[in-house]
C-alpha atoms as a PDB file:
ATOM      1  CA  MET A   1     197.885  30.721 157.874  1.00  0.00           C
ATOM      2  CA  ARG A   2     196.978  27.189 156.830  1.00  0.00           C
ATOM      3  CA  ARG A   3     195.430  26.364 160.333  1.00  0.00           C
ATOM      4  CA  ALA A   4     193.515  29.281 159.932  1.00  0.00           C
ATOM      5  CA  LEU A   5     192.050  28.253 156.475  1.00  0.00           C
ATOM      6  CA  VAL A   6     190.806  25.217 157.882  1.00  0.00           C
ATOM      7  CA  LEU A   7     188.916  26.570 160.739  1.00  0.00           C
ATOM      8  CA  GLY A   8     187.148  29.311 158.778  1.00  0.00           C
ATOM      9  CA  ALA A   9     186.390  26.017 156.634  1.00  0.00           C
ATOM     10  CA  GLY A  10     184.927  24.767 160.027  1.00  0.00           C
ATOM     11  CA  ALA A  11     183.092  27.612 160.932  1.00  0.00           C
ATOM     12  CA  LEU A  12     181.465  27.808 157.041  1.00  0.00           C
ATOM     13  CA  ALA A  13     180.295  24.263 158.140  1.00  0.00           C
ATOM     14  CA  CYS A  14     178.852  24.471 161.373  1.00  0.00           C
ATOM     15  CA  ALA A  15     177.141  27.930 160.255  1.00  0.00           C
ATOM     16  CA  GLY A  16     175.730  25.758 157.417  1.00  0.00           C
ATOM     17  CA  ALA A  17     174.313  23.522 159.745  1.00  0.00           C
ATOM     18  CA  ILE A  18     173.136  26.306 162.076  1.00  0.00           C
ATOM     19  CA  THR A  19     171.264  27.668 159.349  1.00  0.00           C
ATOM     20  CA  ALA A  20     170.017  24.372 158.146  1.00  0.00           C
ATOM     21  CA  ALA A  21     168.665  23.794 161.898  1.00  0.00           C
ATOM     22  CA  ALA A  22     166.867  26.891 162.354  1.00  0.00           C
ATOM     23  CA  ALA A  23     164.987  26.579 159.241  1.00  0.00           C
ATOM     24  CA  GLY A  24     163.651  22.967 160.539  1.00  0.00           C
ATOM     25  CA  PHE A  25     162.163  24.978 163.557  1.00  0.00           C
ATOM     26  CA  GLY A  26     160.279  27.783 161.005  1.00  0.00           C
ATOM     27  CA  GLY A  27     162.728  29.687 159.149  1.00  0.00           C
ATOM     28  CA  GLU A  28     161.486  30.447 155.582  1.00  0.00           C
ATOM     29  CA  THR A  29     164.107  28.321 153.882  1.00  0.00           C
ATOM     30  CA  THR A  30     162.497  25.096 152.741  1.00  0.00           C
ATOM     31  CA  ALA A  31     164.026  22.298 150.812  1.00  0.00           C
ATOM     32  CA  PRO A  32     162.153  22.196 147.259  1.00  0.00           C
ATOM     33  CA  PRO A  33     159.378  18.665 147.614  1.00  0.00           C
ATOM     34  CA  VAL A  34     160.949  15.664 145.756  1.00  0.00           C
ATOM     35  CA  VAL A  35     158.209  14.609 143.108  1.00  0.00           C
ATOM     36  CA  ARG A  36     159.257  10.687 142.499  1.00  0.00           C
ATOM     37  CA  GLN A  37     158.321   9.586 138.910  1.00  0.00           C
ATOM     38  CA  ALA A  38     157.902   6.305 137.498  1.00  0.00           C
ATOM     39  CA  VAL A  39     158.572   5.844 133.815  1.00  0.00           C
ATOM     40  CA  GLU A  40     156.280   3.353 131.409  1.00  0.00           C
ATOM     41  CA  PRO A  41     157.828   2.430 127.583  1.00  0.00           C
ATOM     42  CA  VAL A  42     155.474   4.077 124.623  1.00  0.00           C
ATOM     43  CA  LEU A  43     153.563   1.181 123.205  1.00  0.00           C
ATOM     44  CA  ARG A  44     152.826   0.239 119.560  1.00  0.00           C
ATOM     45  CA  GLN A  45     149.307  -1.736 119.715  1.00  0.00           C
ATOM     46  CA  THR A  46     145.228  -0.894 118.784  1.00  0.00           C
ATOM     47  CA  LEU A  47     143.026   1.663 120.598  1.00  0.00           C
ATOM     48  CA  THR A  48     139.096   0.887 120.480  1.00  0.00           C
ATOM     49  CA  ARG A  49     137.044   3.369 122.478  1.00  0.00           C
ATOM     50  CA  ILE A  50     134.858   2.029 124.816  1.00  0.00           C
ATOM     51  CA  GLU A  51     131.581   4.093 125.515  1.00  0.00           C
ATOM     52  CA  PRO A  52     129.666   2.912 128.632  1.00  0.00           C
ATOM     53  CA  VAL A  53     125.981   3.324 128.521  1.00  0.00           C
ATOM     54  CA  ASN A  54     123.209   2.487 130.659  1.00  0.00           C
ATOM     55  CA  GLY A  55     120.706  -0.651 129.991  1.00  0.00           C
ATOM     56  CA  VAL A  56     118.382  -2.928 131.321  1.00  0.00           C
ATOM     57  CA  LEU A  57     118.820  -6.673 131.042  1.00  0.00           C
ATOM     58  CA  GLY A  58     115.545  -8.354 130.411  1.00  0.00           C
ATOM     59  CA  TYR A  59     113.897 -10.427 127.775  1.00  0.00           C
ATOM     60  CA  GLY A  60     113.397  -7.278 125.596  1.00  0.00           C
ATOM     61  CA  PRO A  61     110.182  -5.137 125.015  1.00  0.00           C
ATOM     62  CA  PRO A  62     106.791  -6.601 125.521  1.00  0.00           C
ATOM     63  CA  ILE A  63     104.595  -6.761 123.303  1.00  0.00           C
ATOM     64  CA  PRO A  64     100.561  -6.797 123.786  1.00  0.00           C
ATOM     65  CA  VAL A  65      97.829  -9.268 122.841  1.00  0.00           C
ATOM     66  CA  PRO A  66      94.345  -7.781 121.853  1.00  0.00           C
ATOM     67  CA  GLY A  67      91.819  -9.864 122.684  1.00  0.00           C
ATOM     68  CA  ALA A  68      88.900 -11.956 120.650  1.00  0.00           C
ATOM     69  CA  GLY A  69      86.856  -9.287 120.184  1.00  0.00           C
ATOM     70  CA  GLN A  70      84.195 -11.021 122.054  1.00  0.00           C
ATOM     71  CA  GLY A  71      83.283 -13.397 125.084  1.00  0.00           C
ATOM     72  CA  THR A  72      84.411 -13.290 128.378  1.00  0.00           C
ATOM     73  CA  ILE A  73      88.030 -14.690 129.064  1.00  0.00           C
ATOM     74  CA  THR A  74      87.555 -17.563 131.473  1.00  0.00           C
ATOM     75  CA  TRP A  75      91.640 -18.763 131.258  1.00  0.00           C
ATOM     76  CA  LEU A  76      94.880 -16.547 131.552  1.00  0.00           C
ATOM     77  CA  PRO A  77      98.514 -17.632 131.938  1.00  0.00           C
ATOM     78  CA  ALA A  78     100.474 -16.815 134.432  1.00  0.00           C
ATOM     79  CA  THR A  79     103.591 -14.884 133.908  1.00  0.00           C
ATOM     80  CA  ALA A  80     106.452 -15.676 133.154  1.00  0.00           C
ATOM     81  CA  THR A  81     105.201 -18.872 131.772  1.00  0.00           C
ATOM     82  CA  VAL A  82     106.977 -20.505 128.618  1.00  0.00           C
ATOM     83  CA  LEU A  83     104.433 -20.399 125.494  1.00  0.00           C
ATOM     84  CA  ARG A  84     105.240 -23.064 122.278  1.00  0.00           C
ATOM     85  CA  ARG A  85     103.817 -23.386 118.821  1.00  0.00           C
ATOM     86  CA  GLY A  86      99.625 -24.740 119.559  1.00  0.00           C
ATOM     87  CA  ARG A  87      99.767 -23.915 123.177  1.00  0.00           C
ATOM     88  CA  ALA A  88      96.474 -21.601 123.992  1.00  0.00           C
ATOM     89  CA  VAL A  89      97.628 -18.398 124.766  1.00  0.00           C
ATOM     90  CA  PHE A  90      93.852 -17.385 126.799  1.00  0.00           C
ATOM     91  CA  ARG A  91      90.615 -18.373 126.733  1.00  0.00           C
ATOM     92  CA  ALA A  92      87.832 -16.726 125.759  1.00  0.00           C
ATOM     93  CA  ASP A  93      84.037 -18.788 126.748  1.00  0.00           C
ATOM     94  CA  ASP A  94      86.806 -21.652 127.537  1.00  0.00           C
ATOM     95  CA  ARG A  95      87.742 -21.547 124.196  1.00  0.00           C
ATOM     96  CA  PRO A  96      91.294 -21.565 123.923  1.00  0.00           C
ATOM     97  CA  VAL A  97      93.417 -19.099 121.377  1.00  0.00           C
ATOM     98  CA  PRO A  98      96.565 -20.913 120.210  1.00  0.00           C
ATOM     99  CA  LEU A  99      99.953 -19.333 119.222  1.00  0.00           C
ATOM    100  CA  PHE A 100     101.195 -20.180 115.538  1.00  0.00           C
ATOM    101  CA  TYR A 101     104.532 -19.141 114.783  1.00  0.00           C
ATOM    102  CA  GLY A 102     105.231 -16.601 111.507  1.00  0.00           C
ATOM    103  CA  SER A 103     106.131 -12.584 111.298  1.00  0.00           C
ATOM    104  CA  LEU A 104     103.103 -11.576 109.418  1.00  0.00           C
ATOM    105  CA  PRO A 105      99.261 -10.753 111.879  1.00  0.00           C
ATOM    106  CA  LEU A 106      96.226 -12.152 110.251  1.00  0.00           C
ATOM    107  CA  TYR A 107      94.332  -9.489 108.724  1.00  0.00           C
ATOM    108  CA  ARG A 108      91.241 -11.485 106.742  1.00  0.00           C
ATOM    109  CA  THR A 109      88.876 -14.370 107.579  1.00  0.00           C
ATOM    110  CA  LEU A 110      90.684 -17.437 105.329  1.00  0.00           C
ATOM    111  CA  ARG A 111      88.284 -20.065 103.589  1.00  0.00           C
ATOM    112  CA  THR A 112      88.531 -22.542 100.333  1.00  0.00           C
ATOM    113  CA  GLY A 113      89.308 -20.245  97.175  1.00  0.00           C
ATOM    114  CA  LEU A 114      92.026 -17.962  99.630  1.00  0.00           C
ATOM    115  CA  SER A 115      95.775 -17.917  98.240  1.00  0.00           C
ATOM    116  CA  GLY A 116      98.651 -15.808 100.040  1.00  0.00           C
ATOM    117  CA  ARG A 117     101.280 -15.912 102.606  1.00  0.00           C
ATOM    118  CA  ASP A 118      98.658 -15.466 105.229  1.00  0.00           C
ATOM    119  CA  VAL A 119      97.424 -18.918 104.072  1.00  0.00           C
ATOM    120  CA  ARG A 120     100.800 -20.360 103.777  1.00  0.00           C
ATOM    121  CA  LEU A 121     101.545 -19.413 107.672  1.00  0.00           C
ATOM    122  CA  VAL A 122      98.092 -21.370 108.681  1.00  0.00           C
ATOM    123  CA  GLU A 123      99.439 -24.498 106.877  1.00  0.00           C
ATOM    124  CA  ARG A 124     102.958 -24.120 107.849  1.00  0.00           C
ATOM    125  CA  ASN A 125     101.764 -23.949 111.384  1.00  0.00           C
ATOM    126  CA  LEU A 126      98.575 -26.863 110.659  1.00  0.00           C
ATOM    127  CA  TRP A 127     101.299 -28.887 109.091  1.00  0.00           C
ATOM    128  CA  ALA A 128     104.154 -28.544 112.311  1.00  0.00           C
ATOM    129  CA  LEU A 129     101.261 -29.652 114.587  1.00  0.00           C
ATOM    130  CA  GLY A 130     100.553 -32.521 112.652  1.00  0.00           C
ATOM    131  CA  TYR A 131      97.353 -31.480 110.943  1.00  0.00           C
ATOM    132  CA  ARG A 132      97.641 -32.639 107.118  1.00  0.00           C
ATOM    133  CA  GLY A 133      96.655 -34.569 104.032  1.00  0.00           C
ATOM    134  CA  PHE A 134      97.185 -30.859 101.840  1.00  0.00           C
ATOM    135  CA  THR A 135     100.167 -29.276 100.550  1.00  0.00           C
ATOM    136  CA  VAL A 136     101.719 -26.338 102.130  1.00  0.00           C
ATOM    137  CA  ASP A 137     101.456 -23.660  99.011  1.00  0.00           C
ATOM    138  CA  GLY A 138      99.681 -20.871 100.125  1.00  0.00           C
ATOM    139  CA  ARG A 139      96.062 -22.110  98.836  1.00  0.00           C
ATOM    140  CA  PHE A 140      93.441 -22.775 100.540  1.00  0.00           C
ATOM    141  CA  THR A 141      91.846 -25.789  98.851  1.00  0.00           C
ATOM    142  CA  PRO A 142      89.344 -28.195 100.128  1.00  0.00           C
ATOM    143  CA  ALA A 143      92.165 -30.036 101.898  1.00  0.00           C
ATOM    144  CA  THR A 144      93.262 -27.370 103.703  1.00  0.00           C
ATOM    145  CA  SER A 145      89.700 -26.482 104.905  1.00  0.00           C
ATOM    146  CA  ALA A 146      89.290 -30.576 105.866  1.00  0.00           C
ATOM    147  CA  ALA A 147      93.016 -30.234 107.818  1.00  0.00           C
ATOM    148  CA  VAL A 148      91.018 -27.057 109.636  1.00  0.00           C
ATOM    149  CA  ARG A 149      87.849 -28.966 110.918  1.00  0.00           C
ATOM    150  CA  VAL A 150      90.230 -31.847 112.301  1.00  0.00           C
ATOM    151  CA  TRP A 151      91.959 -29.014 114.123  1.00  0.00           C
ATOM    152  CA  GLN A 152      89.206 -27.322 115.394  1.00  0.00           C
ATOM    153  CA  ARG A 153      87.408 -30.099 116.723  1.00  0.00           C
ATOM    154  CA  LYS A 154      90.520 -30.822 118.722  1.00  0.00           C
ATOM    155  CA  LEU A 155      90.129 -27.919 120.501  1.00  0.00           C
ATOM    156  CA  HIS A 156      86.716 -27.986 120.716  1.00  0.00           C
ATOM    157  CA  LEU A 157      85.961 -25.342 118.336  1.00  0.00           C
ATOM    158  CA  PRO A 158      83.114 -24.902 116.055  1.00  0.00           C
ATOM    159  CA  ARG A 159      84.282 -26.692 113.076  1.00  0.00           C
ATOM    160  CA  THR A 160      83.626 -23.784 110.256  1.00  0.00           C
ATOM    161  CA  GLY A 161      87.054 -24.918 108.098  1.00  0.00           C
ATOM    162  CA  VAL A 162      87.606 -21.215 107.850  1.00  0.00           C
ATOM    163  CA  VAL A 163      90.019 -19.117 110.100  1.00  0.00           C
ATOM    164  CA  GLU A 164      89.074 -15.815 111.306  1.00  0.00           C
ATOM    165  CA  PRO A 165      92.340 -13.602 112.565  1.00  0.00           C
ATOM    166  CA  SER A 166      91.090 -13.641 116.462  1.00  0.00           C
ATOM    167  CA  SER A 167      91.414 -17.255 116.731  1.00  0.00           C
ATOM    168  CA  VAL A 168      94.991 -17.316 116.875  1.00  0.00           C
ATOM    169  CA  VAL A 169      97.813 -15.422 118.683  1.00  0.00           C
ATOM    170  CA  VAL A 170     100.883 -15.035 116.063  1.00  0.00           C
ATOM    171  CA  ALA A 171     104.031 -14.736 117.094  1.00  0.00           C
ATOM    172  CA  ARG A 172     107.842 -15.493 115.793  1.00  0.00           C
ATOM    173  CA  GLY A 173     108.546 -17.919 117.766  1.00  0.00           C
ATOM    174  CA  THR A 174     108.194 -19.346 121.648  1.00  0.00           C
ATOM    175  CA  VAL A 175     107.262 -16.715 123.611  1.00  0.00           C
ATOM    176  CA  ARG A 176     107.619 -15.970 127.726  1.00  0.00           C
ATOM    177  CA  VAL A 177     104.510 -13.950 129.571  1.00  0.00           C
ATOM    178  CA  ALA A 178     105.882 -10.766 130.398  1.00  0.00           C
ATOM    179  CA  VAL A 179     102.449  -8.884 131.714  1.00  0.00           C
ATOM    180  CA  VAL A 180      98.709 -10.269 132.303  1.00  0.00           C
ATOM    181  CA  SER A 181      96.203  -7.295 132.301  1.00  0.00           C
ATOM    182  CA  ALA A 182      93.230  -9.177 132.198  1.00  0.00           C
ATOM    183  CA  HIS A 183      91.442 -10.662 134.687  1.00  0.00           C
ATOM    184  CA  LEU A 184      89.093 -13.804 134.778  1.00  0.00           C
ATOM    185  CA  GLY A 185      85.565 -12.295 133.541  1.00  0.00           C
ATOM    186  CA  ASP A 186      86.806  -9.581 131.664  1.00  0.00           C
ATOM    187  CA  PRO A 187      85.174  -8.940 128.422  1.00  0.00           C
ATOM    188  CA  SER A 188      87.173 -10.202 125.731  1.00  0.00           C
ATOM    189  CA  SER A 189      87.782  -6.967 123.649  1.00  0.00           C
ATOM    190  CA  GLY A 190      90.793  -4.780 125.064  1.00  0.00           C
ATOM    191  CA  PRO A 191      94.252  -6.025 126.019  1.00  0.00           C
ATOM    192  CA  VAL A 192      94.898  -9.606 127.811  1.00  0.00           C
ATOM    193  CA  LEU A 193      98.281  -9.720 128.264  1.00  0.00           C
ATOM    194  CA  SER A 194     101.896  -9.028 126.536  1.00  0.00           C
ATOM    195  CA  TYR A 195     105.031 -11.378 125.998  1.00  0.00           C
ATOM    196  CA  SER A 196     108.520 -10.603 125.317  1.00  0.00           C
ATOM    197  CA  GLY A 197     111.244 -13.262 123.856  1.00  0.00           C
ATOM    198  CA  THR A 198     112.181 -16.429 125.886  1.00  0.00           C
ATOM    199  CA  THR A 199     116.205 -15.187 126.229  1.00  0.00           C
ATOM    200  CA  ARG A 200     117.021 -12.329 127.955  1.00  0.00           C
ATOM    201  CA  VAL A 201     119.066  -9.265 126.233  1.00  0.00           C
ATOM    202  CA  VAL A 202     119.973  -6.060 127.106  1.00  0.00           C
ATOM    203  CA  THR A 203     117.777  -2.777 126.333  1.00  0.00           C
ATOM    204  CA  VAL A 204     119.560   0.559 125.725  1.00  0.00           C
ATOM    205  CA  ALA A 205     117.690   3.766 125.013  1.00  0.00           C
ATOM    206  CA  LEU A 206     120.430   5.452 123.617  1.00  0.00           C
ATOM    207  CA  ASP A 207     121.130   8.957 122.894  1.00  0.00           C
ATOM    208  CA  VAL A 208     121.546   9.695 119.344  1.00  0.00           C
ATOM    209  CA  ALA A 209     124.203  11.231 119.436  1.00  0.00           C
ATOM    210  CA  LEU A 210     126.028   8.753 120.032  1.00  0.00           C
ATOM    211  CA  GLN A 211     124.367   6.583 117.739  1.00  0.00           C
ATOM    212  CA  GLU A 212     127.603   5.680 115.509  1.00  0.00           C
ATOM    213  CA  LEU A 213     128.595   3.476 118.421  1.00  0.00           C
ATOM    214  CA  ALA A 214     125.134   1.012 117.927  1.00  0.00           C
ATOM    215  CA  VAL A 215     126.537  -0.710 114.645  1.00  0.00           C
ATOM    216  CA  ARG A 216     124.913  -4.522 113.798  1.00  0.00           C
ATOM    217  CA  GLY A 217     126.985  -7.271 114.728  1.00  0.00           C
ATOM    218  CA  SER A 218     129.191  -5.243 116.468  1.00  0.00           C
ATOM    219  CA  ALA A 219     130.413  -6.420 120.138  1.00  0.00           C
ATOM    220  CA  ALA A 220     129.523  -4.993 123.551  1.00  0.00           C
ATOM    221  CA  GLU A 221     131.034  -5.512 126.959  1.00  0.00           C
ATOM    222  CA  ILE A 222     127.821  -5.814 129.473  1.00  0.00           C
ATOM    223  CA  THR A 223     128.830  -5.194 133.410  1.00  0.00           C
ATOM    224  CA  LEU A 224     126.251  -6.814 135.759  1.00  0.00           C
ATOM    225  CA  PRO A 225     125.792  -5.645 139.125  1.00  0.00           C
ATOM    226  CA  ALA A 226     128.076  -7.908 140.916  1.00  0.00           C
ATOM    227  CA  GLY A 227     130.567  -6.708 139.033  1.00  0.00           C
ATOM    228  CA  ARG A 228     130.920  -9.699 136.561  1.00  0.00           C
ATOM    229  CA  ILE A 229     131.672  -8.505 132.824  1.00  0.00           C
ATOM    230  CA  VAL A 230     130.061 -10.638 129.971  1.00  0.00           C
ATOM    231  CA  ARG A 231     130.090 -10.593 126.391  1.00  0.00           C
ATOM    232  CA  GLY A 232     127.627  -9.403 123.731  1.00  0.00           C
ATOM    233  CA  ARG A 233     126.870  -8.527 120.634  1.00  0.00           C
ATOM    234  CA  VAL A 234     124.337  -5.411 119.156  1.00  0.00           C
ATOM    235  CA  THR A 235     121.215  -7.390 117.100  1.00  0.00           C
ATOM    236  CA  ARG A 236     118.919  -4.311 116.622  1.00  0.00           C
ATOM    237  CA  VAL A 237     119.019  -0.831 116.352  1.00  0.00           C
ATOM    238  CA  GLY A 238     116.026   1.394 116.051  1.00  0.00           C
ATOM    239  CA  ARG A 239     115.436   3.980 113.297  1.00  0.00           C
ATOM    240  CA  VAL A 240     112.990   6.271 114.919  1.00  0.00           C
ATOM    241  CA  ALA A 241     114.578   7.931 117.464  1.00  0.00           C
ATOM    242  CA  SER A 242     111.984   8.425 121.019  1.00  0.00           C
ATOM    243  CA  VAL A 243     112.200  12.187 122.608  1.00  0.00           C
ATOM    244  CA  ALA A 244     111.721  11.842 126.662  1.00  0.00           C
ATOM    245  CA  GLN A 245     108.786  13.511 128.617  1.00  0.00           C
ATOM    246  CA  GLN A 246     110.555  16.000 130.026  1.00  0.00           C
ATOM    247  CA  GLY A 247     113.128  17.032 128.087  1.00  0.00           C
ATOM    248  CA  GLY A 248     115.874  14.383 128.075  1.00  0.00           C
ATOM    249  CA  PRO A 249     117.615  13.674 124.704  1.00  0.00           C
ATOM    250  CA  ALA A 250     115.999  11.731 121.980  1.00  0.00           C
ATOM    251  CA  THR A 251     116.859   8.314 121.585  1.00  0.00           C
ATOM    252  CA  ILE A 252     117.147   5.185 120.003  1.00  0.00           C
ATOM    253  CA  ALA A 253     116.339   1.169 120.981  1.00  0.00           C
ATOM    254  CA  VAL A 254     119.803  -0.966 120.699  1.00  0.00           C
ATOM    255  CA  THR A 255     119.630  -4.249 121.432  1.00  0.00           C
ATOM    256  CA  VAL A 256     122.183  -6.718 122.621  1.00  0.00           C
ATOM    257  CA  ALA A 257     122.290 -10.078 122.846  1.00  0.00           C
ATOM    258  CA  ILE A 258     124.067 -12.261 124.760  1.00  0.00           C
ATOM    259  CA  ARG A 259     125.233 -15.885 124.335  1.00  0.00           C
ATOM    260  CA  ASP A 260     126.186 -17.297 128.018  1.00  0.00           C
ATOM    261  CA  GLN A 261     122.362 -17.162 129.261  1.00  0.00           C
ATOM    262  CA  LYS A 262     123.699 -19.118 132.352  1.00  0.00           C
ATOM    263  CA  ALA A 263     126.596 -16.494 133.211  1.00  0.00           C
ATOM    264  CA  LEU A 264     123.411 -14.097 134.173  1.00  0.00           C
ATOM    265  CA  GLY A 265     121.665 -16.427 137.132  1.00  0.00           C
ATOM    266  CA  ARG A 266     118.337 -15.539 137.735  1.00  0.00           C
ATOM    267  CA  LEU A 267     118.505 -11.263 136.780  1.00  0.00           C
ATOM    268  CA  ASP A 268     115.590  -9.827 135.355  1.00  0.00           C
ATOM    269  CA  GLN A 269     114.694  -6.053 134.794  1.00  0.00           C
ATOM    270  CA  ALA A 270     118.194  -5.317 135.962  1.00  0.00           C
ATOM    271  CA  PRO A 271     120.381  -2.369 135.714  1.00  0.00           C
ATOM    272  CA  VAL A 272     123.451  -2.942 133.581  1.00  0.00           C
ATOM    273  CA  VAL A 273     126.639  -1.020 132.156  1.00  0.00           C
ATOM    274  CA  VAL A 274     126.990  -1.551 128.365  1.00  0.00           C
ATOM    275  CA  GLY A 275     130.420  -0.948 126.700  1.00  0.00           C
ATOM    276  CA  LEU A 276     130.019  -0.009 123.138  1.00  0.00           C
ATOM    277  CA  ARG A 277     132.395  -0.469 120.778  1.00  0.00           C
ATOM    278  CA  GLY A 278     133.078   3.069 118.717  1.00  0.00           C
ATOM    279  CA  ALA A 279     136.053   4.366 116.964  1.00  0.00           C
ATOM    280  CA  SER A 280     139.224   1.871 116.277  1.00  0.00           C
ATOM    281  CA  ALA A 281     142.620   2.975 115.601  1.00  0.00           C
ATOM    282  CA  GLU A 282     145.192   0.469 114.670  1.00  0.00           C
ATOM    283  CA  ASN A 283     149.192   0.055 114.840  1.00  0.00           C
ATOM    284  CA  VAL A 284     149.718   3.386 116.677  1.00  0.00           C
ATOM    285  CA  LEU A 285     152.011   4.477 119.202  1.00  0.00           C
ATOM    286  CA  THR A 286     150.542   5.089 122.839  1.00  0.00           C
ATOM    287  CA  VAL A 287     150.849   6.427 126.220  1.00  0.00           C
ATOM    288  CA  PRO A 288     149.110   6.606 129.549  1.00  0.00           C
ATOM    289  CA  VAL A 289     147.280   9.390 130.298  1.00  0.00           C
ATOM    290  CA  THR A 290     148.355  10.233 133.313  1.00  0.00           C
ATOM    291  CA  ALA A 291     151.691  10.763 131.528  1.00  0.00           C
ATOM    292  CA  LEU A 292     150.661  13.664 129.477  1.00  0.00           C
ATOM    293  CA  LEU A 293     151.560  16.786 130.438  1.00  0.00           C
ATOM    294  CA  ALA A 294     149.947  20.332 129.897  1.00  0.00           C
ATOM    295  CA  ARG A 295     151.766  23.000 127.902  1.00  0.00           C
ATOM    296  CA  PRO A 296     151.865  26.770 128.629  1.00  0.00           C
ATOM    297  CA  GLY A 297     151.457  27.589 125.530  1.00  0.00           C
ATOM    298  CA  GLY A 298     148.829  25.081 125.011  1.00  0.00           C
ATOM    299  CA  GLY A 299     149.444  21.611 123.450  1.00  0.00           C
ATOM    300  CA  TYR A 300     150.950  18.286 125.550  1.00  0.00           C
ATOM    301  CA  ALA A 301     154.140  16.875 126.129  1.00  0.00           C
ATOM    302  CA  VAL A 302     155.445  14.220 127.576  1.00  0.00           C
ATOM    303  CA  ARG A 303     158.412  14.254 129.879  1.00  0.00           C
ATOM    304  CA  VAL A 304     162.032  11.836 128.410  1.00  0.00           C
ATOM    305  CA  ALA A 305     165.078  11.886 130.290  1.00  0.00           C
ATOM    306  CA  GLY A 306     163.760  15.073 132.266  1.00  0.00           C
ATOM    307  CA  ARG A 307     162.940  17.592 129.105  1.00  0.00           C
ATOM    308  CA  GLU A 308     159.823  17.352 127.771  1.00  0.00           C
ATOM    309  CA  VAL A 309     158.934  16.260 124.286  1.00  0.00           C
ATOM    310  CA  PRO A 310     155.662  18.522 122.596  1.00  0.00           C
ATOM    311  CA  VAL A 311     153.605  14.945 121.501  1.00  0.00           C
ATOM    312  CA  GLU A 312     150.363  15.018 119.070  1.00  0.00           C
ATOM    313  CA  LEU A 313     147.596  13.763 120.134  1.00  0.00           C
ATOM    314  CA  GLY A 314     144.405  10.762 118.831  1.00  0.00           C
ATOM    315  CA  LEU A 315     142.468   8.408 120.051  1.00  0.00           C
ATOM    316  CA  PHE A 316     141.752   7.862 123.672  1.00  0.00           C
ATOM    317  CA  ALA A 317     140.842   4.842 125.413  1.00  0.00           C
ATOM    318  CA  ASP A 318     141.344   2.362 127.871  1.00  0.00           C
ATOM    319  CA  GLY A 319     143.512   5.127 129.919  1.00  0.00           C
ATOM    320  CA  ARG A 320     145.764   5.701 126.890  1.00  0.00           C
ATOM    321  CA  VAL A 321     145.932   7.640 124.135  1.00  0.00           C
ATOM    322  CA  GLU A 322     147.565   7.752 120.886  1.00  0.00           C
ATOM    323  CA  VAL A 323     150.560   9.896 119.917  1.00  0.00           C
ATOM    324  CA  ARG A 324     152.631  11.311 117.765  1.00  0.00           C
ATOM    325  CA  GLY A 325     156.250  12.906 118.303  1.00  0.00           C
ATOM    326  CA  VAL A 326     158.208  10.241 119.885  1.00  0.00           C
ATOM    327  CA  THR A 327     159.505   6.393 119.047  1.00  0.00           C
ATOM    328  CA  GLU A 328     158.211   3.133 120.190  1.00  0.00           C
ATOM    329  CA  GLY A 329     160.392   2.210 122.766  1.00  0.00           C
ATOM    330  CA  THR A 330     160.620   5.609 124.338  1.00  0.00           C
ATOM    331  CA  LEU A 331     160.656   5.568 128.570  1.00  0.00           C
ATOM    332  CA  VAL A 332     157.829   8.720 129.534  1.00  0.00           C
ATOM    333  CA  GLY A 333     157.554  10.105 133.168  1.00  0.00           C
ATOM    334  CA  VAL A 334     154.354   8.957 134.395  1.00  0.00           C
ATOM    335  CA  PRO A 335     153.199   9.950 138.268  1.00  0.00           C
ATOM    336  CA  SER A 336     154.924   6.865 141.118  1.00  0.00           C
END
C-alpha cells in the first residue's frame, strides 16, 4: 500500500510536468506575469510649481528714434553700436543729434526764463558732460544758456543758447543700436533707427491665463538652446494685454533679467525656455507621481506593503505630488 502511494505521487508529479510542458508548447495555460516594483519613501519637503514658457533671449524690445524733423540724414551708426551720453545717435545736415540720459522726452523749446523737469534733465546732462558754470536746479537761467552755447560750439551747432526737442535723443541710459531703418540721403522726418538696452534679457509673451506666475522679483530658470540652465529674475510685467492677430490667446509682456551675462555666450534673438515659479506648498508630504494608482470608483491610492492606501492629492511639481493619507517615511511602490 505504501509503495502504491509513492508511485501515485510520482505519477501526479509526472502528470504535472507534462501539463506544464504542454502549456509551454502552445497550451492556453500561462503563468501570470511577474510585476516587479521598487519602493520609495514618502518625503517631507517644499514643492514649487515650475511652468515652462517660451521666450526670446535678446536685448529687449527696440525703441524707435524719429528724425530731427528737417534736413537730410548724412551719417548713421552701425547695428550693434553702443552709444553713450553725448555721442551722436545720427547726423542730419552733417550736424550731430547727441544722446542725453533721462526719462522725460523733451517736448518744448527750452530757453531763458523757463523751469521744470525737462530743464533739469538738460542741466544734468550738460553738467555730466563737463559744461558747467550754472546750478542744476531746474531753472533755465542766463548761466544755463551760456553753458548751452559752449556745448553747441563744441558740436559745431548754431550757438542759439536754446535747446530744441529735436536737437537731442533722450534715453534712460546707454543704448545699443538694434535696427537702422533710414539710409544716407533720406529726409530726416521719419524713423531713423531703433535702439535697445545693452544687457541681454529674456522677453516672454505670456498667456494671460498664466499671469499669476509673473511676479516682479520672482526667480526664473532659463534653459538655453544648448541645454544649459541660467538663473534669472522677473523685472517687468506688462499691464496691457495684446491680442494675437490670428486668433491666438491674449498675452502680456514679461521681461526676465539675467545676471550672469557671460554664461549667455554670443546668443542674440535665440529661443529659450523660461521656467516661471508658480504656487508653492511648504513642509508637505510627497511621493513620486508614478506611485499614484487610479481607483475604479474615482480618486487615487498608493501601494503600501502590497495593499492600496487611498490618498488625497495636492500640488504637482517636479515629478512629485503632495499627498495626504500616509505618514512620512512610509515605503510606497513605484514602477522599477
